[in-house]
Amino acid sequence: MENNNSKEILLSGLGILVLVLVVVGVSFAVFQYSKPGAKNNTITTGVINMSYDEPQNGINLSDALPISDAAGMALTGNNNTFDFTVEAEIVGTGNTTINYAITATNDGSTAPDSAMKVYLTRVNNNTEEAVLAPTLMSQLGKTTSSELSKAPSNQYVLTRGTFTSSTTNSYRLRMWVDENYSDGSAGGTYKLRVNVYGAAAAQ
């Protein structure tokens, strides 16, 4: 009986020893394998900024008369145009894409969105290129909860796009009362606020 117990103890001891050696061997092998495969991670980031010279980021119209699109597209001066710059800065290496949106919101106006037209251009060396043709505010698309730019929902979209490198774009926004506005007379105010949102795309 003692012989059998001694054999069982001996076999159990050998089994434990073999198990310990296997675990140590596997751990050592994993360590040896992972070490030469290690590499440095590169983290890429991007930021987007909006800048403007005016006291506020938008246009305020008060008691304006309806005008044609041709006259609206030629507007100059304070409260007729709003110049601003959107700058993307991509830091680091790798492929980073920033999704951005330039949006507009009615900032407490008494005139309806259906009365107002907006026209957005990109300015380069005093030359303007149309980004958004003259469009009624009420006919602009709106942001949703799934915006890639992370813009809040329910804002009017002036334009969307992507940056893949550090870039600076200059824009000019014009706004006027549509010549077909049914009221047909001056009156009321319209306050338009411009916002820019940006978010790095998932890698």
Protein backbone atom coordinates (compact mmCIF):
# COMPACT_ATOMS: atom_id res chain seq x y z
CA MET A 1 0.00 0.00 0.00
CA GLU A 2 2.87 2.38 0.90
CA ASN A 3 4.55 1.44 -2.39
CA ASN A 4 1.50 2.53 -4.41
CA ASN A 5 1.25 5.81 -2.47
CA SER A 6 4.94 6.51 -3.06
CA LYS A 7 4.50 5.87 -6.80
CA GLU A 8 1.49 8.19 -6.95
CA ILE A 9 3.35 10.93 -5.10
CA LEU A 10 6.37 10.47 -7.38
CA LEU A 11 4.21 10.59 -10.53
CA SER A 12 2.32 13.64 -9.25
CA GLY A 13 5.61 15.40 -8.48
CA LEU A 14 6.96 14.59 -11.94
CA GLY A 15 3.72 15.81 -13.53
CA ILE A 16 3.91 19.15 -11.71
CA LEU A 17 7.60 19.55 -12.66
CA VAL A 18 6.82 18.87 -16.35
CA LEU A 19 3.91 21.40 -16.24
CA VAL A 20 6.16 24.08 -14.69
CA LEU A 21 8.83 23.50 -17.35
CA VAL A 22 6.25 23.74 -20.16
CA VAL A 23 4.80 27.02 -18.80
CA VAL A 24 8.27 28.54 -18.34
CA GLY A 25 9.29 27.37 -21.84
CA VAL A 26 6.19 28.83 -23.49
CA SER A 27 6.54 32.13 -21.59
CA PHE A 28 10.18 32.40 -22.62
CA ALA A 29 9.32 31.61 -26.24
CA VAL A 30 6.59 34.29 -26.29
CA PHE A 31 8.94 36.84 -24.75
CA GLN A 32 11.67 36.02 -27.26
CA TYR A 33 9.17 36.29 -30.16
CA SER A 34 7.59 39.57 -29.15
CA LYS A 35 10.79 41.45 -28.46
CA PRO A 36 12.21 41.57 -32.01
CA GLY A 37 8.74 42.41 -33.38
CA ALA A 38 8.33 45.58 -31.27
CA LYS A 39 8.16 48.96 -33.10
CA ASN A 40 7.44 52.60 -32.30
CA ASN A 41 3.90 53.87 -32.88
CA THR A 42 3.43 57.14 -34.75
CA ILE A 43 0.52 59.25 -33.53
CA THR A 44 -0.89 61.70 -36.06
CA THR A 45 -3.12 64.59 -35.05
CA GLY A 46 -4.86 67.46 -36.80
CA VAL A 47 -6.58 70.69 -35.83
CA ILE A 48 -8.88 73.06 -37.69
CA ASN A 49 -9.34 76.76 -36.98
CA MET A 50 -11.53 79.60 -38.24
CA SER A 51 -10.39 83.22 -38.13
CA TYR A 52 -12.04 86.49 -39.17
CA ASP A 53 -11.38 90.22 -38.84
CA GLU A 54 -14.94 91.41 -38.20
CA PRO A 55 -16.28 91.83 -34.63
CA GLN A 56 -18.61 88.85 -35.13
CA ASN A 57 -18.63 85.66 -37.19
CA GLY A 58 -21.49 86.42 -39.54
CA ILE A 59 -23.65 89.02 -41.30
CA ASN A 60 -26.47 91.18 -39.91
CA LEU A 61 -28.96 92.71 -42.36
CA SER A 62 -31.49 95.29 -41.25
CA ASP A 63 -34.30 96.80 -43.34
CA ALA A 64 -32.69 95.62 -46.59
CA LEU A 65 -34.56 95.80 -49.89
CA PRO A 66 -34.92 92.73 -52.15
CA ILE A 67 -32.33 92.60 -54.96
CA SER A 68 -31.48 90.32 -57.88
CA ASP A 69 -28.92 87.53 -57.71
CA ALA A 70 -26.62 89.49 -60.03
CA ALA A 71 -26.68 92.47 -57.65
CA GLY A 72 -26.28 90.21 -54.60
CA MET A 73 -23.25 88.43 -56.06
CA ALA A 74 -21.57 91.82 -56.59
CA LEU A 75 -22.12 93.11 -53.02
CA THR A 76 -19.17 94.60 -51.13
CA GLY A 77 -18.62 96.22 -47.77
CA ASN A 78 -19.68 95.72 -44.15
CA ASN A 79 -22.83 93.69 -43.46
CA ASN A 80 -22.92 92.71 -47.13
CA THR A 81 -19.96 90.35 -47.09
CA PHE A 82 -18.22 88.28 -44.43
CA ASP A 83 -14.60 87.24 -45.06
CA PHE A 84 -13.11 84.40 -43.06
CA THR A 85 -10.28 81.87 -43.20
CA VAL A 86 -10.36 78.15 -42.47
CA GLU A 87 -6.99 76.65 -41.61
CA ALA A 88 -6.17 72.98 -41.19
CA GLU A 89 -2.94 72.00 -39.47
CA ILE A 90 -1.94 68.36 -39.71
CA VAL A 91 0.89 67.42 -37.37
CA GLY A 92 3.12 64.37 -37.66
CA THR A 93 3.48 61.80 -40.39
CA GLY A 94 1.11 59.31 -41.93
CA ASN A 95 -2.21 59.69 -43.66
CA THR A 96 -4.57 61.94 -41.72
CA THR A 97 -7.86 63.18 -43.15
CA ILE A 98 -9.85 65.95 -41.48
CA ASN A 99 -13.54 66.11 -42.38
CA TYR A 100 -14.86 69.65 -42.09
CA ALA A 101 -18.12 71.54 -42.54
CA ILE A 102 -18.84 75.24 -42.82
CA THR A 103 -22.30 75.84 -41.41
CA ALA A 104 -24.68 78.74 -40.80
CA THR A 105 -27.36 79.36 -38.22
CA ASN A 106 -30.18 81.89 -37.94
CA ASP A 107 -29.13 83.93 -34.92
CA GLY A 108 -32.42 85.47 -33.75
CA SER A 109 -33.81 86.99 -36.95
CA THR A 110 -37.24 88.51 -37.54
CA ALA A 111 -37.17 87.85 -41.31
CA PRO A 112 -37.80 84.26 -42.46
CA ASP A 113 -35.15 81.90 -43.88
CA SER A 114 -37.18 81.75 -47.10
CA ALA A 115 -36.47 85.47 -47.71
CA MET A 116 -32.68 85.29 -47.56
CA LYS A 117 -30.14 84.18 -50.16
CA VAL A 118 -26.51 83.30 -49.49
CA TYR A 119 -23.55 82.98 -51.85
CA LEU A 120 -20.16 81.51 -50.81
CA THR A 121 -16.90 81.90 -52.73
CA ARG A 122 -13.29 80.88 -52.18
CA VAL A 123 -10.90 83.83 -52.51
CA ASN A 124 -7.42 83.37 -53.97
CA ASN A 125 -5.28 86.40 -54.88
CA ASN A 126 -8.37 88.63 -55.24
CA THR A 127 -10.00 86.08 -57.55
CA GLU A 128 -13.24 84.46 -56.38
CA GLU A 129 -14.42 80.94 -57.21
CA ALA A 130 -18.02 79.96 -56.44
CA VAL A 131 -18.36 77.29 -53.75
CA LEU A 132 -22.11 77.69 -53.19
CA ALA A 133 -24.30 79.27 -55.89
CA PRO A 134 -26.92 81.81 -54.70
CA THR A 135 -29.32 79.69 -52.63
CA LEU A 136 -32.23 80.43 -50.33
CA MET A 137 -31.38 79.68 -46.72
CA SER A 138 -34.53 77.57 -46.45
CA GLN A 139 -33.29 75.34 -49.31
CA LEU A 140 -29.88 74.54 -47.83
CA GLY A 141 -29.24 71.05 -46.49
CA LYS A 142 -28.86 70.60 -42.74
CA THR A 143 -26.38 68.76 -40.57
CA THR A 144 -27.40 65.47 -38.95
CA SER A 145 -26.25 63.45 -35.95
CA SER A 146 -23.96 61.38 -38.22
CA GLU A 147 -21.84 64.31 -39.44
CA LEU A 148 -18.25 63.25 -40.13
CA SER A 149 -17.16 66.75 -39.13
CA LYS A 150 -18.90 66.33 -35.73
CA ALA A 151 -20.95 69.47 -36.40
CA PRO A 152 -24.08 69.75 -34.24
CA SER A 153 -27.36 68.68 -35.84
CA ASN A 154 -29.81 71.01 -37.57
CA GLN A 155 -27.38 73.66 -38.86
CA TYR A 156 -27.47 74.87 -42.47
CA VAL A 157 -24.56 73.49 -44.54
CA LEU A 158 -22.71 76.01 -46.70
CA THR A 159 -20.06 73.50 -47.79
CA ARG A 160 -18.32 70.29 -46.67
CA GLY A 161 -14.95 68.84 -47.52
CA THR A 162 -11.75 67.17 -46.37
CA PHE A 163 -8.20 68.24 -45.65
CA THR A 164 -5.36 65.74 -46.14
CA SER A 165 -2.53 68.21 -45.57
CA SER A 166 -1.98 71.51 -43.79
CA THR A 167 -4.03 74.01 -45.81
CA THR A 168 -5.44 77.53 -45.53
CA ASN A 169 -8.58 78.51 -47.46
CA SER A 170 -10.06 82.02 -47.58
CA TYR A 171 -13.81 82.42 -48.07
CA ARG A 172 -16.27 85.27 -48.69
CA LEU A 173 -19.94 84.97 -47.83
CA ARG A 174 -22.63 87.31 -49.18
CA MET A 175 -26.26 87.54 -48.08
CA TRP A 176 -29.24 89.50 -49.42
CA VAL A 177 -33.03 89.58 -49.51
CA ASP A 178 -34.29 87.54 -52.47
CA GLU A 179 -35.97 89.59 -55.21
CA ASN A 180 -38.87 87.09 -55.26
CA TYR A 181 -39.58 87.40 -51.55
CA SER A 182 -43.38 87.66 -51.41
CA ASP A 183 -43.39 90.51 -48.89
CA GLY A 184 -41.60 92.64 -51.48
CA SER A 185 -40.63 95.36 -49.03
CA ALA A 186 -37.86 96.21 -46.61
CA GLY A 187 -38.33 95.36 -43.00
CA GLY A 188 -37.04 93.19 -40.23
CA THR A 189 -33.57 91.89 -39.52
CA TYR A 190 -31.64 88.76 -40.41
CA LYS A 191 -28.64 87.63 -38.36
CA LEU A 192 -26.52 84.84 -39.79
CA ARG A 193 -23.80 83.16 -37.76
CA VAL A 194 -21.07 81.15 -39.52
CA ASN A 195 -19.34 78.19 -37.85
CA VAL A 196 -16.62 75.75 -38.87
CA TYR A 197 -16.32 72.22 -37.50
CA GLY A 198 -13.67 69.58 -38.12
CA ALA A 199 -12.82 66.08 -36.97
CA ALA A 200 -10.12 63.61 -37.93
CA ALA A 201 -11.39 60.61 -39.87
CA ALA A 202 -11.09 57.18 -38.26
CA GLN A 203 -7.85 55.47 -39.27
